[in-house]
Amino acid sequence: ALPISVDFAMAPISLPDRLWTLATVRSSAERVAVEAARLDAEQDCRVAFEGNAAPMLLLDRQGHALAINAAFCNLVGWSSDEMLGGDSSLYTLEEDRGISEAAIERIVSGTSQAEKYVKRYRHRGGRILNVEVHLAPVYDEEGQVRRIVVSERDITEEMALRAELKYQARHDPLTGLANRALLDERLERMQMRLTQIGRASCRERV
């Protein structure tokens, strides 16, 4: 016969004539299978997180880093040991500090189920990065936010390209002077501004 795993428990029972011990035995196969499945799922998630090409973090409810993957370390130039336990202030540009904290507060308070925003990082080497940030909560069995998963995308080159295309569309490629498209846009803005001023003046007369 093959050996099997069992859960064994004993409890004393006091009867008038003597003290008895009640023993219960049950197969632990189901519990072991459930625990094995849970460990497999955690391992799969860990591999997917650590090996993901997208920069990712796992935060607690206060915004402190519990786990950081290699892609995020490459993004900001800091090691995971240097960032674990801390918040985003280490690598966030001074003017953009508070953006992530406000988003985390909205998720933890339940006023938001997901957050997406753009902020700027300062790489350890000094260059400025524009990053698109996604926040998603992980809930416990009671429906409370337990962790926050952060996924990020470096859009620095994308934003620079957009700015360049916008500039080229409004300036002469040889002289660098404003072209007709930019002139028309400025004239339209001026006309709208004059119209607003005129309406305000009419209301004041009335």
Protein backbone atom coordinates (compact mmCIF):
# COMPACT_ATOMS: atom_id res chain seq x y z
CA ALA A 1 0.00 0.00 0.00
CA LEU A 2 1.17 3.51 -0.80
CA PRO A 3 1.59 5.95 2.11
CA ILE A 4 -0.79 8.91 2.26
CA SER A 5 -0.58 12.25 4.02
CA VAL A 6 -3.14 12.89 6.75
CA ASP A 7 -4.07 15.63 9.19
CA PHE A 8 -4.15 14.25 12.73
CA ALA A 9 -5.67 16.06 15.71
CA MET A 10 -6.38 15.09 19.33
CA ALA A 11 -8.59 16.72 21.95
CA PRO A 12 -9.33 15.68 25.57
CA ILE A 13 -12.91 14.75 26.53
CA SER A 14 -13.82 14.64 30.22
CA LEU A 15 -16.54 12.14 31.10
CA PRO A 16 -17.85 11.29 34.61
CA ASP A 17 -15.96 8.04 34.87
CA ARG A 18 -12.75 8.84 33.09
CA LEU A 19 -10.81 11.16 30.77
CA TRP A 20 -10.91 10.24 27.11
CA THR A 21 -8.95 11.51 24.15
CA LEU A 22 -10.73 12.10 20.87
CA ALA A 23 -8.57 11.68 17.79
CA THR A 24 -9.57 12.75 14.28
CA VAL A 25 -7.80 11.69 11.14
CA ARG A 26 -8.49 12.99 7.66
CA SER A 27 -6.71 12.98 4.37
CA SER A 28 -4.70 16.10 3.71
CA ALA A 29 -4.53 15.47 -0.04
CA GLU A 30 -7.01 18.23 -0.87
CA ARG A 31 -5.29 20.77 1.37
CA VAL A 32 -1.90 19.84 -0.05
CA ALA A 33 -3.23 20.15 -3.60
CA VAL A 34 -4.70 23.58 -2.90
CA GLU A 35 -1.48 24.78 -1.29
CA ALA A 36 0.57 23.43 -4.21
CA ALA A 37 -1.69 25.22 -6.69
CA ARG A 38 -1.32 28.44 -4.72
CA LEU A 39 2.46 28.16 -4.69
CA ASP A 40 2.50 27.44 -8.42
CA ALA A 41 0.35 30.51 -9.09
CA GLU A 42 2.60 32.69 -6.94
CA GLN A 43 5.66 31.37 -8.77
CA ASP A 44 4.06 32.09 -12.14
CA CYS A 45 3.20 35.63 -11.05
CA ARG A 46 6.70 36.17 -9.70
CA VAL A 47 8.30 35.02 -12.96
CA ALA A 48 5.90 37.17 -15.01
CA PHE A 49 6.65 40.19 -12.81
CA GLU A 50 10.41 39.85 -12.61
CA GLY A 51 10.89 38.95 -16.27
CA ASN A 52 8.43 41.45 -17.69
CA ALA A 53 9.89 43.82 -20.28
CA ALA A 54 7.72 46.63 -18.89
CA PRO A 55 9.02 48.48 -15.82
CA MET A 56 6.90 47.32 -12.86
CA LEU A 57 6.61 47.80 -9.10
CA LEU A 58 4.50 46.36 -6.31
CA LEU A 59 3.54 48.92 -3.66
CA ASP A 60 1.91 48.79 -0.25
CA ARG A 61 -1.01 51.06 0.69
CA GLN A 62 1.39 53.88 1.62
CA GLY A 63 3.18 53.78 -1.73
CA HIS A 64 6.33 52.05 -0.49
CA ALA A 65 7.99 49.60 -2.87
CA LEU A 66 7.64 45.94 -1.92
CA ALA A 67 9.01 44.52 -5.18
CA ILE A 68 10.75 46.05 -8.21
CA ASN A 69 11.59 44.30 -11.46
CA ALA A 70 14.81 44.64 -13.46
CA ALA A 71 13.17 46.70 -16.21
CA PHE A 72 12.28 49.44 -13.72
CA CYS A 73 15.81 49.45 -12.31
CA ASN A 74 17.12 49.93 -15.87
CA LEU A 75 14.62 52.75 -16.40
CA VAL A 76 15.70 54.92 -13.46
CA GLY A 77 19.27 53.72 -12.95
CA TRP A 78 18.86 52.70 -9.30
CA SER A 79 19.13 49.16 -7.92
CA SER A 80 16.19 47.39 -6.28
CA ASP A 81 18.05 47.30 -2.95
CA GLU A 82 18.33 51.10 -3.05
CA MET A 83 14.62 51.56 -3.82
CA LEU A 84 12.89 48.83 -1.80
CA GLY A 85 10.92 50.24 1.12
CA GLY A 86 11.01 53.76 -0.26
CA ASP A 87 8.59 55.88 -2.27
CA SER A 88 8.97 57.50 -5.70
CA SER A 89 10.59 60.71 -4.42
CA LEU A 90 14.07 59.24 -5.01
CA TYR A 91 13.71 59.40 -8.80
CA THR A 92 10.74 61.75 -9.35
CA LEU A 93 11.45 65.25 -10.65
CA GLU A 94 10.88 67.75 -7.84
CA GLU A 95 8.03 69.57 -9.64
CA ASP A 96 6.13 66.29 -10.16
CA ARG A 97 6.32 64.96 -6.61
CA GLY A 98 2.89 64.34 -5.15
CA ILE A 99 1.28 63.10 -8.37
CA SER A 100 1.73 59.41 -7.54
CA GLU A 101 0.88 59.91 -3.87
CA ALA A 102 -2.44 61.56 -4.78
CA ALA A 103 -3.28 58.74 -7.21
CA ILE A 104 -2.48 56.08 -4.59
CA GLU A 105 -4.70 57.84 -2.06
CA ARG A 106 -7.62 57.82 -4.51
CA ILE A 107 -7.20 54.07 -5.05
CA VAL A 108 -6.82 53.23 -1.35
CA SER A 109 -9.84 55.36 -0.42
CA GLY A 110 -11.96 53.63 -3.06
CA THR A 111 -12.70 56.76 -5.11
CA SER A 112 -10.79 55.28 -8.05
CA GLN A 113 -10.30 51.71 -9.27
CA ALA A 114 -7.38 52.51 -11.58
CA GLU A 115 -5.12 55.47 -12.32
CA LYS A 116 -3.19 56.56 -15.41
CA TYR A 117 -1.02 59.66 -15.64
CA VAL A 118 2.24 61.06 -17.00
CA LYS A 119 5.06 62.29 -14.78
CA ARG A 120 8.76 63.03 -15.06
CA TYR A 121 11.63 61.06 -13.57
CA ARG A 122 15.23 62.07 -13.10
CA HIS A 123 17.49 59.17 -14.09
CA ARG A 124 20.39 58.51 -11.76
CA GLY A 125 22.66 59.78 -14.53
CA GLY A 126 20.80 63.12 -14.60
CA ARG A 127 18.64 62.94 -17.74
CA ILE A 128 14.93 63.68 -17.53
CA LEU A 129 12.43 60.96 -18.50
CA ASN A 130 8.73 61.28 -19.35
CA VAL A 131 6.89 58.21 -18.09
CA GLU A 132 3.32 56.97 -18.48
CA VAL A 133 2.21 55.31 -15.24
CA HIS A 134 -0.63 52.82 -14.67
CA LEU A 135 -1.83 51.90 -11.17
CA ALA A 136 -4.08 48.89 -10.45
CA PRO A 137 -5.17 47.69 -6.99
CA VAL A 138 -4.95 44.14 -5.62
CA TYR A 139 -7.79 43.40 -3.18
CA ASP A 140 -7.92 41.09 -0.16
CA GLU A 141 -10.78 38.71 0.69
CA GLU A 142 -12.70 41.55 2.37
CA GLY A 143 -12.50 43.79 -0.68
CA GLN A 144 -9.91 46.15 0.76
CA VAL A 145 -6.88 47.33 -1.21
CA ARG A 146 -3.94 45.17 -0.14
CA ARG A 147 -1.31 46.01 -2.75
CA ILE A 148 -0.94 48.24 -5.81
CA VAL A 149 0.60 47.03 -9.06
CA VAL A 150 2.42 49.71 -11.06
CA SER A 151 3.23 49.33 -14.75
CA GLU A 152 5.16 52.05 -16.56
CA ARG A 153 6.20 53.06 -20.07
CA ASP A 154 9.00 55.41 -21.10
CA ILE A 155 7.46 57.93 -23.53
CA THR A 156 10.39 60.36 -23.62
CA GLU A 157 11.26 59.74 -27.28
CA GLU A 158 7.58 59.62 -28.24
CA MET A 159 6.92 63.06 -26.73
CA ALA A 160 10.07 64.50 -28.33
CA LEU A 161 8.94 63.18 -31.73
CA ARG A 162 5.49 64.69 -31.29
CA ALA A 163 7.02 68.06 -30.40
CA GLU A 164 9.32 67.89 -33.44
CA LEU A 165 6.48 67.02 -35.82
CA LYS A 166 4.38 69.82 -34.36
CA TYR A 167 7.24 72.27 -34.84
CA GLN A 168 7.85 71.15 -38.42
CA ALA A 169 4.17 71.51 -39.25
CA ARG A 170 4.23 75.16 -38.15
CA HIS A 171 7.65 76.35 -39.33
CA ASP A 172 9.46 76.64 -42.64
CA PRO A 173 12.09 73.86 -42.86
CA LEU A 174 14.70 76.19 -44.43
CA THR A 175 14.30 79.44 -42.53
CA GLY A 176 12.77 78.16 -39.30
CA LEU A 177 10.24 80.98 -39.51
CA ALA A 178 6.59 80.49 -38.69
CA ASN A 179 4.62 79.27 -41.71
CA ARG A 180 1.05 79.95 -42.79
CA ALA A 181 -0.37 77.19 -40.58
CA LEU A 182 1.10 78.74 -37.43
CA LEU A 183 0.05 82.23 -38.56
CA ASP A 184 -3.53 81.07 -39.14
CA GLU A 185 -3.58 79.39 -35.71
CA ARG A 186 -2.37 82.54 -33.97
CA LEU A 187 -4.84 84.71 -35.86
CA GLU A 188 -7.65 82.35 -34.86
CA ARG A 189 -6.61 82.53 -31.22
CA MET A 190 -6.42 86.34 -31.39
CA GLN A 191 -9.87 86.50 -32.98
CA MET A 192 -11.32 84.28 -30.25
CA ARG A 193 -9.70 86.44 -27.58
CA LEU A 194 -11.07 89.65 -29.12
CA THR A 195 -14.52 88.10 -29.32
CA GLN A 196 -14.39 87.17 -25.64
CA ILE A 197 -13.28 90.69 -24.71
CA GLY A 198 -16.07 92.18 -26.80
CA ARG A 199 -18.71 90.01 -25.14
CA ALA A 200 -17.42 90.90 -21.69
CA SER A 201 -17.53 94.60 -22.58
CA CYS A 202 -21.13 94.31 -23.77
CA ARG A 203 -22.19 92.62 -20.55
CA GLU A 204 -20.58 95.39 -18.50
CA ARG A 205 -22.53 98.06 -20.45
CA VAL A 206 -25.79 96.24 -19.86
